C-alpha atoms as a PDB file:
ATOM      1  CA  UNK A   1      25.683-182.952-189.929  1.00  0.00           C
ATOM      2  CA  UNK A   2      25.119-186.548-191.079  1.00  0.00           C
ATOM      3  CA  UNK A   3      23.628-188.974-188.580  1.00  0.00           C
ATOM      4  CA  UNK A   4      25.506-192.286-188.721  1.00  0.00           C
ATOM      5  CA  UNK A   5      23.578-195.561-188.876  1.00  0.00           C
ATOM      6  CA  UNK A   6      25.279-197.764-186.274  1.00  0.00           C
ATOM      7  CA  UNK A   7      24.345-201.457-186.188  1.00  0.00           C
ATOM      8  CA  UNK A   8      25.819-204.110-183.919  1.00  0.00           C
ATOM      9  CA  UNK A   9      25.486-207.629-185.344  1.00  0.00           C
ATOM     10  CA  UNK A  10      25.290-210.300-182.650  1.00  0.00           C
ATOM     11  CA  UNK A  11      24.323-213.928-182.102  1.00  0.00           C
ATOM     12  CA  UNK A  12      22.990-215.973-179.217  1.00  0.00           C
ATOM     13  CA  UNK A  13      25.343-217.215-176.498  1.00  0.00           C
ATOM     14  CA  UNK A  14      28.132-214.826-177.477  1.00  0.00           C
ATOM     15  CA  UNK A  15      30.250-213.492-174.606  1.00  0.00           C
ATOM     16  CA  UNK A  16      32.034-211.057-176.928  1.00  0.00           C
ATOM     17  CA  UNK A  17      28.636-209.637-177.911  1.00  0.00           C
ATOM     18  CA  UNK A  18      27.994-208.627-174.303  1.00  0.00           C
ATOM     19  CA  UNK A  19      31.285-206.708-174.223  1.00  0.00           C
ATOM     20  CA  UNK A  20      30.569-205.190-177.644  1.00  0.00           C
ATOM     21  CA  UNK A  21      27.133-203.945-176.559  1.00  0.00           C
ATOM     22  CA  UNK A  22      28.709-202.110-173.636  1.00  0.00           C
ATOM     23  CA  UNK A  23      31.456-200.609-175.820  1.00  0.00           C
ATOM     24  CA  UNK A  24      29.028-199.427-178.512  1.00  0.00           C
ATOM     25  CA  UNK A  25      26.712-197.993-175.870  1.00  0.00           C
ATOM     26  CA  UNK A  26      29.545-196.041-174.218  1.00  0.00           C
ATOM     27  CA  UNK A  27      30.745-194.543-177.508  1.00  0.00           C
ATOM     28  CA  UNK A  28      27.353-193.718-178.958  1.00  0.00           C
ATOM     29  CA  UNK A  29      26.029-192.289-175.690  1.00  0.00           C
ATOM     30  CA  UNK A  30      29.024-189.978-175.412  1.00  0.00           C
ATOM     31  CA  UNK A  31      28.359-188.701-178.952  1.00  0.00           C
ATOM     32  CA  UNK A  32      24.562-188.598-178.741  1.00  0.00           C
ATOM     33  CA  UNK A  33      24.134-191.197-181.483  1.00  0.00           C
ATOM     34  CA  UNK A  34      21.495-193.936-181.617  1.00  0.00           C
ATOM     35  CA  UNK A  35      22.391-197.516-182.464  1.00  0.00           C
ATOM     36  CA  UNK A  36      20.561-200.769-183.126  1.00  0.00           C
ATOM     37  CA  UNK A  37      21.342-204.412-182.598  1.00  0.00           C
ATOM     38  CA  UNK A  38      20.579-207.136-185.108  1.00  0.00           C
ATOM     39  CA  UNK A  39      20.956-210.831-184.381  1.00  0.00           C
ATOM     40  CA  UNK A  40      22.255-212.963-187.235  1.00  0.00           C
ATOM     41  CA  UNK A  41      20.495-216.034-185.832  1.00  0.00           C
ATOM     42  CA  UNK A  42      17.855-217.175-188.307  1.00  0.00           C
ATOM     43  CA  UNK A  43      19.211-214.978-191.121  1.00  0.00           C
ATOM     44  CA  UNK A  44      21.131-217.261-193.520  1.00  0.00           C
ATOM     45  CA  UNK A  45      22.637-214.385-195.495  1.00  0.00           C
ATOM     46  CA  UNK A  46      24.055-212.662-192.400  1.00  0.00           C
ATOM     47  CA  UNK A  47      25.155-215.987-190.892  1.00  0.00           C
ATOM     48  CA  UNK A  48      27.100-216.871-194.033  1.00  0.00           C
ATOM     49  CA  UNK A  49      28.738-213.449-194.265  1.00  0.00           C
ATOM     50  CA  UNK A  50      29.557-212.770-190.592  1.00  0.00           C
ATOM     51  CA  UNK A  51      29.476-216.109-188.709  1.00  0.00           C
ATOM     52  CA  UNK A  52      33.193-216.119-187.873  1.00  0.00           C
ATOM     53  CA  UNK A  53      33.460-212.398-187.065  1.00  0.00           C
ATOM     54  CA  UNK A  54      30.621-211.768-184.595  1.00  0.00           C
ATOM     55  CA  UNK A  55      30.181-209.313-183.011  1.00  0.00           C
ATOM     56  CA  UNK A  56      30.455-206.862-185.900  1.00  0.00           C
ATOM     57  CA  UNK A  57      29.918-203.096-185.923  1.00  0.00           C
ATOM     58  CA  UNK A  58      28.560-201.565-189.111  1.00  0.00           C
ATOM     59  CA  UNK A  59      28.525-197.812-189.647  1.00  0.00           C
ATOM     60  CA  UNK A  60      26.390-196.742-192.590  1.00  0.00           C
ATOM     61  CA  UNK A  61      26.470-200.322-193.864  1.00  0.00           C
ATOM     62  CA  UNK A  62      30.280-200.609-193.794  1.00  0.00           C
ATOM     63  CA  UNK A  63      31.975-203.086-191.461  1.00  0.00           C
ATOM     64  CA  UNK A  64      34.146-201.069-189.080  1.00  0.00           C
ATOM     65  CA  UNK A  65      35.147-203.571-186.406  1.00  0.00           C
ATOM     66  CA  UNK A  66      34.610-207.128-185.224  1.00  0.00           C
ATOM     67  CA  UNK A  67      35.304-209.432-182.255  1.00  0.00           C
ATOM     68  CA  UNK A  68      36.710-206.862-179.800  1.00  0.00           C
ATOM     69  CA  UNK A  69      35.343-203.394-180.480  1.00  0.00           C
ATOM     70  CA  UNK A  70      37.983-200.653-180.436  1.00  0.00           C
ATOM     71  CA  UNK A  71      36.194-197.754-178.765  1.00  0.00           C
ATOM     72  CA  UNK A  72      38.728-195.158-179.901  1.00  0.00           C
ATOM     73  CA  UNK A  73      38.461-196.257-183.538  1.00  0.00           C
ATOM     74  CA  UNK A  74      34.658-196.276-183.361  1.00  0.00           C
ATOM     75  CA  UNK A  75      34.691-192.800-181.802  1.00  0.00           C
ATOM     76  CA  UNK A  76      36.918-191.473-184.600  1.00  0.00           C
ATOM     77  CA  UNK A  77      34.730-193.066-187.262  1.00  0.00           C
ATOM     78  CA  UNK A  78      31.540-191.617-185.815  1.00  0.00           C
ATOM     79  CA  UNK A  79      33.053-188.164-185.300  1.00  0.00           C
ATOM     80  CA  UNK A  80      34.129-188.102-188.958  1.00  0.00           C
ATOM     81  CA  UNK A  81      30.586-188.937-190.016  1.00  0.00           C
ATOM     82  CA  UNK A  82      29.061-186.394-187.653  1.00  0.00           C
ATOM     83  CA  UNK A  83      31.451-183.671-188.811  1.00  0.00           C
ATOM     84  CA  UNK A  84      30.537-184.608-192.394  1.00  0.00           C
END
C-alpha cells in the first residue's frame, strides 16, 4: 500500500484556503492519511506557478484540485493511491 503525499498550498488572507483546509482534513482523516500545508507567501517559484489557483491540492507532487476542493474527487484519488 502506497502512502500518498498530500500537500495543500495556501496563502495569507485566503477565505478559500480555510474551506480547503477543512475539506482536506475531512477526506484525509476518513482515510487515515496525513497531510501538510505549505504557504506560497515568500516563495517566488510557488507564487509564480500557483498565484491564481490557490488553494491547490497536490497528491504525490501532482496538482489534483484548486480553488474549491472536490472532496469526492480527492477521496477517489487517494483511494487509488492507497490501493496501489
